[in-house]
Amino acid sequence: MDQSEILRFEQKFRRLSLSEALRLGATMRPQCKGELFTDRGSCALGAIYEAVFGYCADSPAVLIAKFVRQYPELDNSWCDMRERNVRFLISEIYTRNDSGQTREEIADWLESIGY
């Protein structure tokens, strides 16, 4: 049974948190910057998408829609004492990735704010 089959089995019983999905996705390919996916790697967001949905060749808008369906509580979530929505969280993950944080550091941050 490969990693994607295990993930699909686990998802039937329990949804991964964002930090768990990022940690799992980070084991799949090296980290890249500036794009969700490259031929060889994925950014932090790409790693989350890949862990939750498998490799996605969809447009960013489709990926965000899938993300919101999987994590509907993010639409009206609270982070860092200010109201944030899913677009803020996605932007923050993307910015942290491209500013040089590792995906593990970003997963630690997500876990620290309850995701």
Protein backbone atom coordinates (compact mmCIF):
# COMPACT_ATOMS: atom_id res chain seq x y z
CA MET A 1 0.00 0.00 0.00
CA ASP A 2 1.59 3.30 -1.02
CA GLN A 3 1.37 6.59 0.89
CA SER A 4 -1.53 7.98 -1.17
CA GLU A 5 -3.61 4.83 -0.57
CA ILE A 6 -2.93 5.07 3.16
CA LEU A 7 -3.96 8.73 3.13
CA ARG A 8 -7.22 8.01 1.31
CA PHE A 9 -8.00 5.26 3.82
CA GLU A 10 -7.28 7.59 6.76
CA GLN A 11 -9.38 10.37 5.25
CA LYS A 12 -12.42 8.12 5.27
CA PHE A 13 -12.20 8.05 9.05
CA ARG A 14 -10.54 11.32 10.04
CA ARG A 15 -9.77 14.57 8.31
CA LEU A 16 -6.16 15.71 8.58
CA SER A 17 -5.51 19.05 10.23
CA LEU A 18 -3.70 21.59 8.07
CA SER A 19 -0.47 21.10 10.01
CA GLU A 20 -0.73 17.31 9.64
CA ALA A 21 -1.45 17.63 5.93
CA LEU A 22 1.54 19.93 5.50
CA ARG A 23 3.85 17.58 7.40
CA LEU A 24 2.68 14.64 5.25
CA GLY A 25 2.89 16.59 2.00
CA ALA A 26 6.39 17.81 2.88
CA THR A 27 7.59 14.20 2.82
CA MET A 28 6.42 13.70 -0.75
CA ARG A 29 8.66 16.13 -2.65
CA PRO A 30 11.28 18.83 -2.05
CA GLN A 31 10.20 22.38 -1.22
CA CYS A 32 9.95 24.95 -3.99
CA LYS A 33 9.14 28.67 -4.03
CA GLY A 34 6.96 30.85 -6.23
CA GLU A 35 4.66 28.10 -7.50
CA LEU A 36 2.36 25.51 -5.96
CA PHE A 37 4.09 22.73 -7.88
CA THR A 38 7.11 22.36 -10.12
CA ASP A 39 8.39 19.28 -11.90
CA ARG A 40 10.34 18.33 -8.80
CA GLY A 41 8.77 20.07 -5.81
CA SER A 42 5.87 21.72 -4.05
CA CYS A 43 5.52 24.81 -1.90
CA ALA A 44 3.83 24.63 1.51
CA LEU A 45 0.38 25.11 -0.03
CA GLY A 46 1.15 22.60 -2.75
CA ALA A 47 2.23 20.09 -0.10
CA ILE A 48 -1.08 20.55 1.77
CA TYR A 49 -3.09 20.14 -1.44
CA GLU A 50 -1.08 17.10 -2.46
CA ALA A 51 -1.51 15.41 0.92
CA VAL A 52 -5.26 16.05 0.99
CA PHE A 53 -6.23 15.65 -2.67
CA GLY A 54 -3.27 14.07 -4.43
CA TYR A 55 -1.37 15.93 -7.13
CA CYS A 56 -3.55 18.74 -8.49
CA ALA A 57 -3.15 20.12 -11.98
CA ASP A 58 -6.13 22.42 -11.46
CA SER A 59 -6.00 26.21 -11.54
CA PRO A 60 -5.32 28.06 -8.26
CA ALA A 61 -9.00 29.11 -8.10
CA VAL A 62 -10.15 25.47 -8.31
CA LEU A 63 -7.59 24.47 -5.69
CA ILE A 64 -8.82 27.19 -3.32
CA ALA A 65 -12.42 26.05 -3.82
CA LYS A 66 -11.42 22.47 -2.98
CA PHE A 67 -9.51 23.75 0.05
CA VAL A 68 -12.56 25.65 1.36
CA ARG A 69 -14.81 22.62 0.88
CA GLN A 70 -12.37 20.45 2.82
CA TYR A 71 -11.88 23.05 5.61
CA PRO A 72 -15.14 25.08 5.75
CA GLU A 73 -14.39 26.37 9.24
CA LEU A 74 -11.63 28.55 7.79
CA ASP A 75 -14.13 30.87 6.16
CA ASN A 76 -14.92 32.49 9.51
CA SER A 77 -11.97 31.46 11.65
CA TRP A 78 -10.07 33.52 14.20
CA CYS A 79 -6.29 33.59 14.19
CA ASP A 80 -3.95 35.82 16.17
CA MET A 81 -6.88 37.68 17.78
CA ARG A 82 -8.07 39.16 14.44
CA GLU A 83 -10.73 37.75 12.16
CA ARG A 84 -9.10 35.98 9.24
CA ASN A 85 -10.56 34.15 6.31
CA VAL A 86 -9.25 31.35 4.15
CA ARG A 87 -7.65 33.76 1.70
CA PHE A 88 -5.61 35.34 4.49
CA LEU A 89 -4.45 31.94 5.70
CA ILE A 90 -3.50 30.85 2.19
CA SER A 91 -1.65 34.14 1.67
CA GLU A 92 0.19 33.77 4.96
CA ILE A 93 1.27 30.19 4.19
CA TYR A 94 2.42 31.24 0.71
CA THR A 95 4.34 34.26 2.07
CA ARG A 96 6.03 32.24 4.81
CA ASN A 97 7.07 29.62 2.25
CA ASP A 98 8.52 32.16 -0.17
CA SER A 99 10.27 34.13 2.59
CA GLY A 100 12.40 31.11 3.44
CA GLN A 101 10.58 29.25 6.19
CA THR A 102 10.65 25.48 5.89
CA ARG A 103 7.41 23.63 5.49
CA GLU A 104 8.01 22.09 8.93
CA GLU A 105 8.28 25.59 10.46
CA ILE A 106 5.05 26.58 8.74
CA ALA A 107 3.38 23.42 10.04
CA ASP A 108 4.55 24.33 13.55
CA TRP A 109 2.99 27.80 13.13
CA LEU A 110 -0.28 26.31 11.86
CA GLU A 111 -0.39 23.93 14.81
CA SER A 112 0.30 26.81 17.24
CA ILE A 113 -2.82 28.64 16.00
CA GLY A 114 -4.99 25.53 16.13
CA TYR A 115 -4.73 24.21 12.61
